[in-house]
Amino acid sequence: MERCRWANVSELDQKYHDEEWGVPVHDDQQLFEMLILEGAQAGLSWTTILKKREGYREAFDNFHIETVAAYGEEKIAQLLENPAIVRNKLKVNGTVINANLVLEIQKEFGSLDAYIWQFVGGKPIINHPETIADVPSSSPESDAMSKALKKKGFKFVGTTICYAYMQATGMINDHVKTCFRYGK
């Protein structure tokens, strides 16, 4: 079975590619999880984050937005000692900040889903890359998302992170033409 080349790193990458990457996500908790995990990846490999994903879920109360938003200094200190996650103070603090901002978005827009999917007009963008080299690291849509999220105060939401987030949550489908997931 042929996959996008990046997915051949490990069985964990293959499973993620085959079952999740490029599949539209509309659940706020899952959208929040992926936003945090994509930000955690900054400067690291996606494989590293996938290996720590269950640790993240346990450490961050399964990404329950209201719970994470209420974390105080004691909880943050515990997280910074937890080897199951990336122990970067800026990223951990950013997660709490982002959770609070997601709550604000939910109040204003009804859901994170309604807000975040507006950047692609409510439906996935289907690209047709021949090879992985044809897949960009950003787009006008990720630029707009990054700019809007930064303006609201979100952390770790540069355009490259936003583009990866859009791919991860199915807002953009970048499976290459030779991949068995192409067109699904």
C-alpha atoms as a PDB file:
ATOM      1  CA  MET A   1       0.000   0.000   0.000  1.00  0.00           C
ATOM      2  CA  GLU A   2       1.495   3.336  -1.013  1.00  0.00           C
ATOM      3  CA  ARG A   3       1.348   6.270   1.401  1.00  0.00           C
ATOM      4  CA  CYS A   4       2.595   9.819   1.515  1.00  0.00           C
ATOM      5  CA  ARG A   5       6.357   9.407   1.965  1.00  0.00           C
ATOM      6  CA  TRP A   6       6.509  11.196   5.356  1.00  0.00           C
ATOM      7  CA  ALA A   7       4.268   8.510   6.882  1.00  0.00           C
ATOM      8  CA  ASN A   8       6.824   5.741   6.411  1.00  0.00           C
ATOM      9  CA  VAL A   9       8.932   6.795   9.410  1.00  0.00           C
ATOM     10  CA  SER A  10       7.264   4.446  11.903  1.00  0.00           C
ATOM     11  CA  GLU A  11       4.147   2.365  12.490  1.00  0.00           C
ATOM     12  CA  LEU A  12       2.831   5.198  14.654  1.00  0.00           C
ATOM     13  CA  ASP A  13       3.209   7.654  11.749  1.00  0.00           C
ATOM     14  CA  GLN A  14       1.531   5.183   9.385  1.00  0.00           C
ATOM     15  CA  LYS A  15      -1.452   4.718  11.694  1.00  0.00           C
ATOM     16  CA  TYR A  16      -1.829   8.488  12.125  1.00  0.00           C
ATOM     17  CA  HIS A  17      -1.582   9.020   8.353  1.00  0.00           C
ATOM     18  CA  ASP A  18      -3.979   6.208   7.509  1.00  0.00           C
ATOM     19  CA  GLU A  19      -6.655   7.042  10.060  1.00  0.00           C
ATOM     20  CA  GLU A  20      -6.473  10.752  10.916  1.00  0.00           C
ATOM     21  CA  TRP A  21      -4.385  13.033   8.707  1.00  0.00           C
ATOM     22  CA  GLY A  22      -6.612  14.922   6.302  1.00  0.00           C
ATOM     23  CA  VAL A  23      -9.869  13.699   7.886  1.00  0.00           C
ATOM     24  CA  PRO A  24     -12.180  16.619   8.746  1.00  0.00           C
ATOM     25  CA  VAL A  25     -12.487  17.269  12.487  1.00  0.00           C
ATOM     26  CA  HIS A  26     -15.415  19.250  13.892  1.00  0.00           C
ATOM     27  CA  ASP A  27     -15.225  18.411  17.600  1.00  0.00           C
ATOM     28  CA  ASP A  28     -13.935  21.350  19.668  1.00  0.00           C
ATOM     29  CA  GLN A  29     -11.955  19.169  22.066  1.00  0.00           C
ATOM     30  CA  GLN A  30     -10.197  17.381  19.187  1.00  0.00           C
ATOM     31  CA  LEU A  31      -9.578  20.690  17.424  1.00  0.00           C
ATOM     32  CA  PHE A  32      -8.032  22.051  20.624  1.00  0.00           C
ATOM     33  CA  GLU A  33      -5.891  18.933  21.066  1.00  0.00           C
ATOM     34  CA  MET A  34      -4.494  19.203  17.560  1.00  0.00           C
ATOM     35  CA  LEU A  35      -3.830  22.937  17.960  1.00  0.00           C
ATOM     36  CA  ILE A  36      -1.787  22.211  21.076  1.00  0.00           C
ATOM     37  CA  LEU A  37       0.047  19.234  19.582  1.00  0.00           C
ATOM     38  CA  GLU A  38       0.937  21.124  16.406  1.00  0.00           C
ATOM     39  CA  GLY A  39       2.302  23.976  18.533  1.00  0.00           C
ATOM     40  CA  ALA A  40       4.237  21.494  20.674  1.00  0.00           C
ATOM     41  CA  GLN A  41       5.881  20.179  17.520  1.00  0.00           C
ATOM     42  CA  ALA A  42       7.617  23.515  16.835  1.00  0.00           C
ATOM     43  CA  GLY A  43      11.309  22.698  16.529  1.00  0.00           C
ATOM     44  CA  LEU A  44      10.678  18.951  16.854  1.00  0.00           C
ATOM     45  CA  SER A  45       9.533  16.093  14.651  1.00  0.00           C
ATOM     46  CA  TRP A  46       5.908  15.036  14.380  1.00  0.00           C
ATOM     47  CA  THR A  47       7.005  11.514  15.327  1.00  0.00           C
ATOM     48  CA  THR A  48       8.269  12.858  18.664  1.00  0.00           C
ATOM     49  CA  ILE A  49       4.866  14.395  19.354  1.00  0.00           C
ATOM     50  CA  LEU A  50       2.982  11.263  18.284  1.00  0.00           C
ATOM     51  CA  LYS A  51       5.087   9.231  20.716  1.00  0.00           C
ATOM     52  CA  LYS A  52       4.122  11.663  23.492  1.00  0.00           C
ATOM     53  CA  ARG A  53       0.475  12.037  22.471  1.00  0.00           C
ATOM     54  CA  GLU A  54      -0.952   9.734  25.136  1.00  0.00           C
ATOM     55  CA  GLY A  55       1.251  11.445  27.711  1.00  0.00           C
ATOM     56  CA  TYR A  56      -0.172  14.776  26.596  1.00  0.00           C
ATOM     57  CA  ARG A  57      -3.721  13.487  26.872  1.00  0.00           C
ATOM     58  CA  GLU A  58      -3.104  12.266  30.404  1.00  0.00           C
ATOM     59  CA  ALA A  59      -1.147  15.343  31.509  1.00  0.00           C
ATOM     60  CA  PHE A  60      -3.654  17.818  30.044  1.00  0.00           C
ATOM     61  CA  ASP A  61      -6.848  16.122  31.268  1.00  0.00           C
ATOM     62  CA  ASN A  62      -7.655  14.742  27.819  1.00  0.00           C
ATOM     63  CA  PHE A  63      -7.588  18.319  26.494  1.00  0.00           C
ATOM     64  CA  HIS A  64     -10.794  19.269  28.293  1.00  0.00           C
ATOM     65  CA  ILE A  65     -10.743  22.957  27.426  1.00  0.00           C
ATOM     66  CA  GLU A  66     -12.357  24.352  30.588  1.00  0.00           C
ATOM     67  CA  THR A  67     -10.109  22.227  32.817  1.00  0.00           C
ATOM     68  CA  VAL A  68      -6.916  23.286  31.033  1.00  0.00           C
ATOM     69  CA  ALA A  69      -8.028  26.929  31.077  1.00  0.00           C
ATOM     70  CA  ALA A  70      -8.255  26.752  34.893  1.00  0.00           C
ATOM     71  CA  TYR A  71      -4.700  25.469  35.438  1.00  0.00           C
ATOM     72  CA  GLY A  72      -2.778  27.494  37.961  1.00  0.00           C
ATOM     73  CA  GLU A  73       0.890  27.832  38.832  1.00  0.00           C
ATOM     74  CA  GLU A  74       0.996  24.559  40.810  1.00  0.00           C
ATOM     75  CA  LYS A  75      -0.386  22.509  37.909  1.00  0.00           C
ATOM     76  CA  ILE A  76       1.942  24.234  35.436  1.00  0.00           C
ATOM     77  CA  ALA A  77       4.912  23.434  37.700  1.00  0.00           C
ATOM     78  CA  GLN A  78       3.843  19.768  37.730  1.00  0.00           C
ATOM     79  CA  LEU A  79       3.573  19.739  33.948  1.00  0.00           C
ATOM     80  CA  LEU A  80       7.070  21.155  33.598  1.00  0.00           C
ATOM     81  CA  GLU A  81       8.351  18.118  35.543  1.00  0.00           C
ATOM     82  CA  ASN A  82       6.391  15.594  33.456  1.00  0.00           C
ATOM     83  CA  PRO A  83       8.661  13.616  31.081  1.00  0.00           C
ATOM     84  CA  ALA A  84       5.616  12.394  29.112  1.00  0.00           C
ATOM     85  CA  ILE A  85       5.302  15.807  27.406  1.00  0.00           C
ATOM     86  CA  VAL A  86       7.625  18.413  25.925  1.00  0.00           C
ATOM     87  CA  ARG A  87       8.658  20.317  29.040  1.00  0.00           C
ATOM     88  CA  ASN A  88       8.977  23.735  27.493  1.00  0.00           C
ATOM     89  CA  LYS A  89       7.716  26.526  29.748  1.00  0.00           C
ATOM     90  CA  LEU A  90       6.550  28.706  26.854  1.00  0.00           C
ATOM     91  CA  LYS A  91       4.633  25.821  25.270  1.00  0.00           C
ATOM     92  CA  VAL A  92       3.022  24.706  28.540  1.00  0.00           C
ATOM     93  CA  ASN A  93       2.014  28.271  29.450  1.00  0.00           C
ATOM     94  CA  GLY A  94       0.828  28.761  25.867  1.00  0.00           C
ATOM     95  CA  THR A  95      -1.475  25.767  26.216  1.00  0.00           C
ATOM     96  CA  VAL A  96      -3.230  27.365  29.201  1.00  0.00           C
ATOM     97  CA  ILE A  97      -3.436  30.731  27.442  1.00  0.00           C
ATOM     98  CA  ASN A  98      -4.812  29.082  24.297  1.00  0.00           C
ATOM     99  CA  ALA A  99      -7.431  27.162  26.306  1.00  0.00           C
ATOM    100  CA  ASN A 100      -8.711  30.434  27.772  1.00  0.00           C
ATOM    101  CA  LEU A 101      -8.820  32.000  24.330  1.00  0.00           C
ATOM    102  CA  VAL A 102     -10.735  29.009  22.932  1.00  0.00           C
ATOM    103  CA  LEU A 103     -13.352  29.586  25.654  1.00  0.00           C
ATOM    104  CA  GLU A 104     -13.658  33.183  24.464  1.00  0.00           C
ATOM    105  CA  ILE A 105     -14.054  32.011  20.858  1.00  0.00           C
ATOM    106  CA  GLN A 106     -16.742  29.551  21.933  1.00  0.00           C
ATOM    107  CA  LYS A 107     -18.661  32.365  23.610  1.00  0.00           C
ATOM    108  CA  GLU A 108     -18.337  34.641  20.580  1.00  0.00           C
ATOM    109  CA  PHE A 109     -18.792  32.134  17.729  1.00  0.00           C
ATOM    110  CA  GLY A 110     -20.642  29.265  19.397  1.00  0.00           C
ATOM    111  CA  SER A 111     -17.772  26.825  18.897  1.00  0.00           C
ATOM    112  CA  LEU A 112     -14.116  26.584  17.964  1.00  0.00           C
ATOM    113  CA  ASP A 113     -15.300  24.542  14.987  1.00  0.00           C
ATOM    114  CA  ALA A 114     -17.426  27.409  13.624  1.00  0.00           C
ATOM    115  CA  TYR A 115     -14.544  29.846  14.064  1.00  0.00           C
ATOM    116  CA  ILE A 116     -11.668  27.784  12.738  1.00  0.00           C
ATOM    117  CA  TRP A 117     -13.404  26.342   9.671  1.00  0.00           C
ATOM    118  CA  GLN A 118     -14.275  29.829   8.418  1.00  0.00           C
ATOM    119  CA  PHE A 119     -10.687  30.097   7.151  1.00  0.00           C
ATOM    120  CA  VAL A 120     -11.454  27.475   4.491  1.00  0.00           C
ATOM    121  CA  GLY A 121     -15.029  28.556   3.823  1.00  0.00           C
ATOM    122  CA  GLY A 122     -16.462  25.695   5.874  1.00  0.00           C
ATOM    123  CA  LYS A 123     -15.254  22.896   3.603  1.00  0.00           C
ATOM    124  CA  PRO A 124     -11.930  21.149   3.016  1.00  0.00           C
ATOM    125  CA  ILE A 125      -9.490  22.409   0.434  1.00  0.00           C
ATOM    126  CA  ILE A 126      -8.453  19.439  -1.685  1.00  0.00           C
ATOM    127  CA  ASN A 127      -5.006  19.861  -3.169  1.00  0.00           C
ATOM    128  CA  HIS A 128      -3.541  17.581  -5.816  1.00  0.00           C
ATOM    129  CA  PRO A 129       0.180  17.253  -5.084  1.00  0.00           C
ATOM    130  CA  GLU A 130       2.146  14.908  -7.318  1.00  0.00           C
ATOM    131  CA  THR A 131       4.879  14.475  -4.702  1.00  0.00           C
ATOM    132  CA  ILE A 132       5.542  15.568  -1.135  1.00  0.00           C
ATOM    133  CA  ALA A 133       7.797  18.276  -2.587  1.00  0.00           C
ATOM    134  CA  ASP A 134       4.657  19.860  -4.066  1.00  0.00           C
ATOM    135  CA  VAL A 135       3.067  20.291  -0.643  1.00  0.00           C
ATOM    136  CA  PRO A 136       3.552  23.841   0.662  1.00  0.00           C
ATOM    137  CA  SER A 137       4.324  24.758   4.253  1.00  0.00           C
ATOM    138  CA  SER A 138       1.831  27.624   4.280  1.00  0.00           C
ATOM    139  CA  SER A 139      -1.010  29.109   2.256  1.00  0.00           C
ATOM    140  CA  PRO A 140      -3.090  32.281   2.138  1.00  0.00           C
ATOM    141  CA  GLU A 141      -5.576  30.480   4.394  1.00  0.00           C
ATOM    142  CA  SER A 142      -2.945  29.545   6.982  1.00  0.00           C
ATOM    143  CA  ASP A 143      -1.568  33.086   6.800  1.00  0.00           C
ATOM    144  CA  ALA A 144      -5.048  34.456   7.567  1.00  0.00           C
ATOM    145  CA  MET A 145      -5.622  31.964  10.383  1.00  0.00           C
ATOM    146  CA  SER A 146      -2.234  32.715  11.934  1.00  0.00           C
ATOM    147  CA  LYS A 147      -2.782  36.456  11.775  1.00  0.00           C
ATOM    148  CA  ALA A 148      -6.265  36.200  13.310  1.00  0.00           C
ATOM    149  CA  LEU A 149      -5.188  33.835  16.094  1.00  0.00           C
ATOM    150  CA  LYS A 150      -2.137  35.943  16.956  1.00  0.00           C
ATOM    151  CA  LYS A 151      -4.338  39.031  17.099  1.00  0.00           C
ATOM    152  CA  LYS A 152      -6.505  37.241  19.682  1.00  0.00           C
ATOM    153  CA  GLY A 153      -3.374  36.394  21.699  1.00  0.00           C
ATOM    154  CA  PHE A 154      -2.851  32.724  20.813  1.00  0.00           C
ATOM    155  CA  LYS A 155       0.627  31.245  21.219  1.00  0.00           C
ATOM    156  CA  PHE A 156       2.494  28.944  18.792  1.00  0.00           C
ATOM    157  CA  VAL A 157       0.265  29.733  15.825  1.00  0.00           C
ATOM    158  CA  GLY A 158       2.634  30.813  13.074  1.00  0.00           C
ATOM    159  CA  THR A 159       1.548  30.203   9.507  1.00  0.00           C
ATOM    160  CA  THR A 160       3.518  26.944   9.187  1.00  0.00           C
ATOM    161  CA  ILE A 161       1.973  25.585  12.390  1.00  0.00           C
ATOM    162  CA  CYS A 162      -1.464  26.703  11.197  1.00  0.00           C
ATOM    163  CA  TYR A 163      -0.938  24.978   7.847  1.00  0.00           C
ATOM    164  CA  ALA A 164       0.060  21.732   9.583  1.00  0.00           C
ATOM    165  CA  TYR A 165      -2.973  22.136  11.853  1.00  0.00           C
ATOM    166  CA  MET A 166      -5.227  22.573   8.829  1.00  0.00           C
ATOM    167  CA  GLN A 167      -3.790  19.387   7.305  1.00  0.00           C
ATOM    168  CA  ALA A 168      -4.139  17.481  10.589  1.00  0.00           C
ATOM    169  CA  THR A 169      -7.788  18.464  11.031  1.00  0.00           C
ATOM    170  CA  GLY A 170      -8.819  17.908   7.431  1.00  0.00           C
ATOM    171  CA  MET A 171      -9.264  21.543   6.497  1.00  0.00           C
ATOM    172  CA  ILE A 172      -6.649  20.899   3.834  1.00  0.00           C
ATOM    173  CA  ASN A 173      -6.132  17.516   2.191  1.00  0.00           C
ATOM    174  CA  ASP A 174      -2.575  17.184   0.900  1.00  0.00           C
ATOM    175  CA  HIS A 175      -2.338  13.433   0.291  1.00  0.00           C
ATOM    176  CA  VAL A 176      -0.170  12.926  -2.801  1.00  0.00           C
ATOM    177  CA  LYS A 177      -1.770  11.402  -5.898  1.00  0.00           C
ATOM    178  CA  THR A 178      -0.016   8.057  -5.431  1.00  0.00           C
ATOM    179  CA  CYS A 179      -1.216   7.703  -1.822  1.00  0.00           C
ATOM    180  CA  PHE A 180      -4.058   5.270  -1.156  1.00  0.00           C
ATOM    181  CA  ARG A 181      -5.748   8.039   0.901  1.00  0.00           C
ATOM    182  CA  TYR A 182      -5.748  10.474  -2.027  1.00  0.00           C
ATOM    183  CA  GLY A 183      -9.275  11.495  -2.905  1.00  0.00           C
ATOM    184  CA  LYS A 184     -10.836  10.023   0.234  1.00  0.00           C
END
